[in-house]
Amino acid sequence: MKKLISFIFLFSFLFFSVALAKEEPRQQSAKDSQSPIVLSVMGKTLHVQNAEPGSLMEIYDVVGIKVVSVRLDAADKTMALKLSKGYYILKVSNVVRKIVIK
């Protein structure tokens, strides 16, 4: 009786692990199809690539005070920043980067 229960348990474990392994590649391919957001700063010019249109871009100073909040109207956006020299934290969707304005 113990062997039968062990066999059933082992069989069900193997069956469910194979079923879960088959589902995993579909989820990964959906994540890979979306390009990551690229943020770059050159001087006082900010360039955002691959952002979802309508997403919110926020810029905070190092103390944590929000200094800029802009809704992005396109996936690729270039804008001039009117910020003083210093360090800032830039957030677009779930991507957060530290930037330096020189």
N, C-alpha and C. Protein backbone atom coordinates (compact mmCIF):
# COMPACT_ATOMS: atom_id res chain seq x y z
N MET A 1 0.82 -1.20 0.00
CA MET A 1 0.00 0.00 0.00
C MET A 1 0.87 1.26 0.00
N LYS A 2 1.96 1.26 0.81
CA LYS A 2 2.84 2.41 0.85
C LYS A 2 3.52 2.63 -0.50
N LYS A 3 3.86 1.51 -1.19
CA LYS A 3 4.50 1.64 -2.50
C LYS A 3 3.54 2.25 -3.52
N LEU A 4 2.27 1.87 -3.43
CA LEU A 4 1.27 2.41 -4.34
C LEU A 4 1.09 3.91 -4.13
N ILE A 5 1.01 4.33 -2.89
CA ILE A 5 0.86 5.76 -2.57
C ILE A 5 2.11 6.53 -3.00
N SER A 6 3.27 5.96 -2.76
CA SER A 6 4.53 6.60 -3.19
C SER A 6 4.58 6.72 -4.70
N PHE A 7 4.16 5.68 -5.40
CA PHE A 7 4.16 5.71 -6.86
C PHE A 7 3.20 6.78 -7.38
N ILE A 8 2.02 6.87 -6.82
CA ILE A 8 1.04 7.87 -7.24
C ILE A 8 1.57 9.28 -6.97
N PHE A 9 2.17 9.48 -5.82
CA PHE A 9 2.74 10.79 -5.48
C PHE A 9 3.85 11.16 -6.44
N LEU A 10 4.76 10.24 -6.71
CA LEU A 10 5.88 10.49 -7.62
C LEU A 10 5.37 10.78 -9.03
N PHE A 11 4.40 9.99 -9.49
CA PHE A 11 3.84 10.19 -10.83
C PHE A 11 3.17 11.55 -10.95
N SER A 12 2.39 11.94 -9.95
CA SER A 12 1.72 13.24 -10.01
C SER A 12 2.72 14.38 -9.94
N PHE A 13 3.76 14.23 -9.16
CA PHE A 13 4.80 15.27 -9.08
C PHE A 13 5.47 15.44 -10.44
N LEU A 14 5.85 14.35 -11.07
CA LEU A 14 6.49 14.43 -12.39
C LEU A 14 5.55 15.00 -13.44
N PHE A 15 4.29 14.60 -13.40
CA PHE A 15 3.32 15.10 -14.37
C PHE A 15 3.15 16.61 -14.25
N PHE A 16 3.00 17.14 -13.04
CA PHE A 16 2.79 18.57 -12.85
C PHE A 16 4.06 19.37 -13.14
N SER A 17 5.22 18.82 -12.84
CA SER A 17 6.45 19.55 -13.13
C SER A 17 6.67 19.66 -14.64
N VAL A 18 6.32 18.63 -15.40
CA VAL A 18 6.43 18.69 -16.86
C VAL A 18 5.42 19.69 -17.41
N ALA A 19 4.23 19.72 -16.87
CA ALA A 19 3.20 20.66 -17.33
C ALA A 19 3.63 22.10 -17.06
N LEU A 20 4.23 22.36 -15.91
CA LEU A 20 4.70 23.71 -15.60
C LEU A 20 5.89 24.09 -16.46
N ALA A 21 6.75 23.14 -16.77
CA ALA A 21 7.92 23.43 -17.60
C ALA A 21 7.49 23.80 -19.02
N LYS A 22 6.41 23.23 -19.50
CA LYS A 22 5.93 23.58 -20.84
C LYS A 22 5.36 24.98 -20.88
N GLU A 23 4.78 25.49 -19.80
CA GLU A 23 4.20 26.83 -19.77
C GLU A 23 5.26 27.91 -19.64
N GLU A 24 6.38 27.63 -19.06
CA GLU A 24 7.41 28.63 -18.76
C GLU A 24 7.94 29.35 -20.01
N PRO A 25 8.30 28.68 -21.12
CA PRO A 25 8.84 29.40 -22.27
C PRO A 25 7.87 30.41 -22.86
N ARG A 26 6.58 30.15 -22.82
CA ARG A 26 5.62 31.12 -23.36
C ARG A 26 5.66 32.41 -22.56
N GLN A 27 5.79 32.33 -21.25
CA GLN A 27 5.83 33.52 -20.42
C GLN A 27 7.13 34.29 -20.67
N GLN A 28 8.23 33.61 -20.84
CA GLN A 28 9.50 34.28 -21.09
C GLN A 28 9.50 34.97 -22.44
N SER A 29 8.93 34.35 -23.46
CA SER A 29 8.93 34.97 -24.78
C SER A 29 8.08 36.23 -24.80
N ALA A 30 7.02 36.28 -23.99
CA ALA A 30 6.21 37.49 -23.91
C ALA A 30 7.01 38.61 -23.26
N LYS A 31 7.82 38.29 -22.27
CA LYS A 31 8.64 39.31 -21.61
C LYS A 31 9.76 39.77 -22.52
N ASP A 32 10.36 38.85 -23.30
CA ASP A 32 11.46 39.19 -24.18
C ASP A 32 11.02 40.05 -25.36
N SER A 33 9.75 39.97 -25.75
CA SER A 33 9.29 40.73 -26.90
C SER A 33 9.21 42.23 -26.60
N GLN A 34 9.16 42.59 -25.32
CA GLN A 34 9.09 43.99 -24.94
C GLN A 34 10.51 44.51 -24.72
N SER A 35 10.90 45.58 -25.44
CA SER A 35 12.24 46.14 -25.31
C SER A 35 12.35 46.93 -24.02
N PRO A 36 13.52 46.89 -23.39
CA PRO A 36 13.69 47.65 -22.15
C PRO A 36 13.76 49.16 -22.41
N ILE A 37 13.38 49.92 -21.42
CA ILE A 37 13.42 51.38 -21.52
C ILE A 37 14.87 51.82 -21.39
N VAL A 38 15.30 52.70 -22.31
CA VAL A 38 16.67 53.21 -22.31
C VAL A 38 16.61 54.70 -22.00
N LEU A 39 17.36 55.12 -20.98
CA LEU A 39 17.42 56.52 -20.57
C LEU A 39 18.85 57.01 -20.71
N SER A 40 19.04 58.15 -21.39
CA SER A 40 20.39 58.70 -21.53
C SER A 40 20.33 60.21 -21.41
N VAL A 41 21.38 60.77 -20.79
CA VAL A 41 21.47 62.22 -20.60
C VAL A 41 22.80 62.68 -21.18
N MET A 42 22.72 63.75 -22.00
CA MET A 42 23.92 64.35 -22.55
C MET A 42 23.81 65.85 -22.32
N GLY A 43 24.61 66.35 -21.39
CA GLY A 43 24.49 67.75 -21.00
C GLY A 43 23.19 67.96 -20.26
N LYS A 44 22.31 68.78 -20.83
CA LYS A 44 20.98 68.99 -20.25
C LYS A 44 19.88 68.43 -21.15
N THR A 45 20.25 67.51 -22.04
CA THR A 45 19.29 66.89 -22.94
C THR A 45 19.04 65.45 -22.51
N LEU A 46 17.78 65.11 -22.33
CA LEU A 46 17.38 63.77 -21.92
C LEU A 46 16.75 63.05 -23.10
N HIS A 47 17.16 61.79 -23.30
CA HIS A 47 16.59 60.98 -24.37
C HIS A 47 16.02 59.70 -23.76
N VAL A 48 14.73 59.46 -24.00
CA VAL A 48 14.03 58.28 -23.50
C VAL A 48 13.64 57.43 -24.71
N GLN A 49 14.00 56.13 -24.68
CA GLN A 49 13.66 55.22 -25.77
C GLN A 49 12.84 54.05 -25.22
N ASN A 50 11.95 53.55 -26.04
CA ASN A 50 11.14 52.36 -25.76
C ASN A 50 10.19 52.52 -24.58
N ALA A 51 9.84 53.73 -24.23
CA ALA A 51 8.85 53.94 -23.17
C ALA A 51 7.46 53.76 -23.75
N GLU A 52 6.55 53.32 -22.94
CA GLU A 52 5.18 53.16 -23.40
C GLU A 52 4.53 54.54 -23.49
N PRO A 53 3.93 54.87 -24.64
CA PRO A 53 3.25 56.17 -24.75
C PRO A 53 2.20 56.33 -23.66
N GLY A 54 2.20 57.50 -23.03
CA GLY A 54 1.27 57.77 -21.95
C GLY A 54 1.84 57.49 -20.58
N SER A 55 3.06 56.93 -20.53
CA SER A 55 3.65 56.65 -19.22
C SER A 55 4.16 57.94 -18.58
N LEU A 56 4.30 57.92 -17.29
CA LEU A 56 4.69 59.10 -16.52
C LEU A 56 6.18 59.08 -16.24
N MET A 57 6.86 60.20 -16.54
CA MET A 57 8.27 60.36 -16.22
C MET A 57 8.38 61.34 -15.06
N GLU A 58 9.09 60.94 -14.02
CA GLU A 58 9.26 61.81 -12.86
C GLU A 58 10.74 61.97 -12.57
N ILE A 59 11.13 63.18 -12.18
CA ILE A 59 12.51 63.46 -11.80
C ILE A 59 12.50 64.00 -10.37
N TYR A 60 13.33 63.39 -9.52
CA TYR A 60 13.44 63.78 -8.12
C TYR A 60 14.86 64.27 -7.85
N ASP A 61 15.01 65.22 -6.92
CA ASP A 61 16.35 65.59 -6.49
C ASP A 61 16.82 64.56 -5.47
N VAL A 62 18.07 64.70 -5.00
CA VAL A 62 18.63 63.68 -4.11
C VAL A 62 17.96 63.66 -2.73
N VAL A 63 17.25 64.70 -2.38
CA VAL A 63 16.53 64.75 -1.11
C VAL A 63 15.22 63.98 -1.23
N GLY A 64 14.72 63.80 -2.46
CA GLY A 64 13.48 63.08 -2.68
C GLY A 64 12.32 63.95 -3.06
N ILE A 65 12.57 65.22 -3.35
CA ILE A 65 11.51 66.15 -3.75
C ILE A 65 11.32 66.05 -5.26
N LYS A 66 10.07 65.88 -5.70
CA LYS A 66 9.77 65.79 -7.13
C LYS A 66 9.94 67.16 -7.75
N VAL A 67 10.80 67.26 -8.78
CA VAL A 67 11.05 68.54 -9.43
C VAL A 67 10.42 68.61 -10.82
N VAL A 68 10.20 67.45 -11.47
CA VAL A 68 9.59 67.42 -12.80
C VAL A 68 8.68 66.20 -12.89
N SER A 69 7.52 66.40 -13.52
CA SER A 69 6.60 65.30 -13.80
C SER A 69 6.02 65.54 -15.18
N VAL A 70 6.29 64.61 -16.11
CA VAL A 70 5.87 64.78 -17.51
C VAL A 70 5.25 63.48 -18.00
N ARG A 71 4.13 63.58 -18.72
CA ARG A 71 3.53 62.41 -19.36
C ARG A 71 4.12 62.30 -20.75
N LEU A 72 4.71 61.14 -21.07
CA LEU A 72 5.37 60.93 -22.37
C LEU A 72 4.32 60.62 -23.42
N ASP A 73 4.36 61.37 -24.53
CA ASP A 73 3.36 61.18 -25.58
C ASP A 73 3.83 60.26 -26.69
N ALA A 74 5.10 59.83 -26.65
CA ALA A 74 5.64 58.94 -27.68
C ALA A 74 6.61 57.95 -27.04
N ALA A 75 6.91 56.88 -27.77
CA ALA A 75 7.82 55.86 -27.24
C ALA A 75 9.25 56.39 -27.16
N ASP A 76 9.65 57.21 -28.12
CA ASP A 76 10.98 57.83 -28.12
C ASP A 76 10.80 59.33 -27.97
N LYS A 77 11.43 59.88 -26.96
CA LYS A 77 11.24 61.30 -26.65
C LYS A 77 12.59 61.92 -26.29
N THR A 78 12.86 63.10 -26.84
CA THR A 78 14.05 63.88 -26.50
C THR A 78 13.55 65.22 -25.98
N MET A 79 14.09 65.62 -24.82
CA MET A 79 13.67 66.90 -24.24
C MET A 79 14.83 67.59 -23.54
N ALA A 80 14.77 68.91 -23.56
CA ALA A 80 15.76 69.71 -22.85
C ALA A 80 15.30 69.87 -21.40
N LEU A 81 16.21 69.61 -20.47
CA LEU A 81 15.88 69.73 -19.05
C LEU A 81 16.29 71.09 -18.53
N LYS A 82 15.41 71.73 -17.80
CA LYS A 82 15.70 73.04 -17.20
C LYS A 82 15.99 72.82 -15.72
N LEU A 83 17.07 72.09 -15.46
CA LEU A 83 17.48 71.78 -14.09
C LEU A 83 18.85 72.35 -13.82
N SER A 84 19.10 72.70 -12.58
CA SER A 84 20.44 73.17 -12.22
C SER A 84 21.39 71.98 -12.13
N LYS A 85 22.68 72.27 -12.09
CA LYS A 85 23.68 71.22 -12.00
C LYS A 85 23.46 70.39 -10.74
N GLY A 86 23.66 69.08 -10.88
CA GLY A 86 23.53 68.22 -9.72
C GLY A 86 23.10 66.81 -10.07
N TYR A 87 22.81 66.05 -9.03
CA TYR A 87 22.39 64.66 -9.17
C TYR A 87 20.88 64.56 -9.01
N TYR A 88 20.28 63.72 -9.84
CA TYR A 88 18.83 63.54 -9.83
C TYR A 88 18.48 62.06 -9.99
N ILE A 89 17.27 61.73 -9.63
CA ILE A 89 16.75 60.38 -9.80
C ILE A 89 15.63 60.46 -10.81
N LEU A 90 15.74 59.67 -11.87
CA LEU A 90 14.78 59.68 -12.97
C LEU A 90 13.99 58.38 -12.94
N LYS A 91 12.67 58.49 -13.03
CA LYS A 91 11.80 57.31 -13.00
C LYS A 91 10.84 57.35 -14.17
N VAL A 92 10.86 56.28 -14.98
CA VAL A 92 9.90 56.11 -16.08
C VAL A 92 9.33 54.70 -15.94
N SER A 93 8.02 54.61 -15.74
CA SER A 93 7.34 53.33 -15.47
C SER A 93 8.00 52.65 -14.27
N ASN A 94 8.59 51.48 -14.46
CA ASN A 94 9.24 50.79 -13.35
C ASN A 94 10.76 50.86 -13.44
N VAL A 95 11.30 51.73 -14.30
CA VAL A 95 12.74 51.90 -14.46
C VAL A 95 13.17 53.15 -13.70
N VAL A 96 14.19 52.99 -12.86
CA VAL A 96 14.71 54.11 -12.07
C VAL A 96 16.20 54.22 -12.32
N ARG A 97 16.68 55.43 -12.63
CA ARG A 97 18.11 55.67 -12.90
C ARG A 97 18.57 56.92 -12.18
N LYS A 98 19.84 56.93 -11.81
CA LYS A 98 20.47 58.14 -11.28
C LYS A 98 21.09 58.87 -12.46
N ILE A 99 20.90 60.19 -12.52
CA ILE A 99 21.48 60.98 -13.61
C ILE A 99 22.25 62.15 -13.02
N VAL A 100 23.15 62.69 -13.83
CA VAL A 100 23.95 63.86 -13.44
C VAL A 100 23.74 64.93 -14.48
N ILE A 101 23.40 66.13 -14.04
CA ILE A 101 23.30 67.29 -14.92
C ILE A 101 24.55 68.13 -14.69
N LYS A 102 25.32 68.31 -15.75
CA LYS A 102 26.59 69.06 -15.64
C LYS A 102 26.45 70.44 -16.20
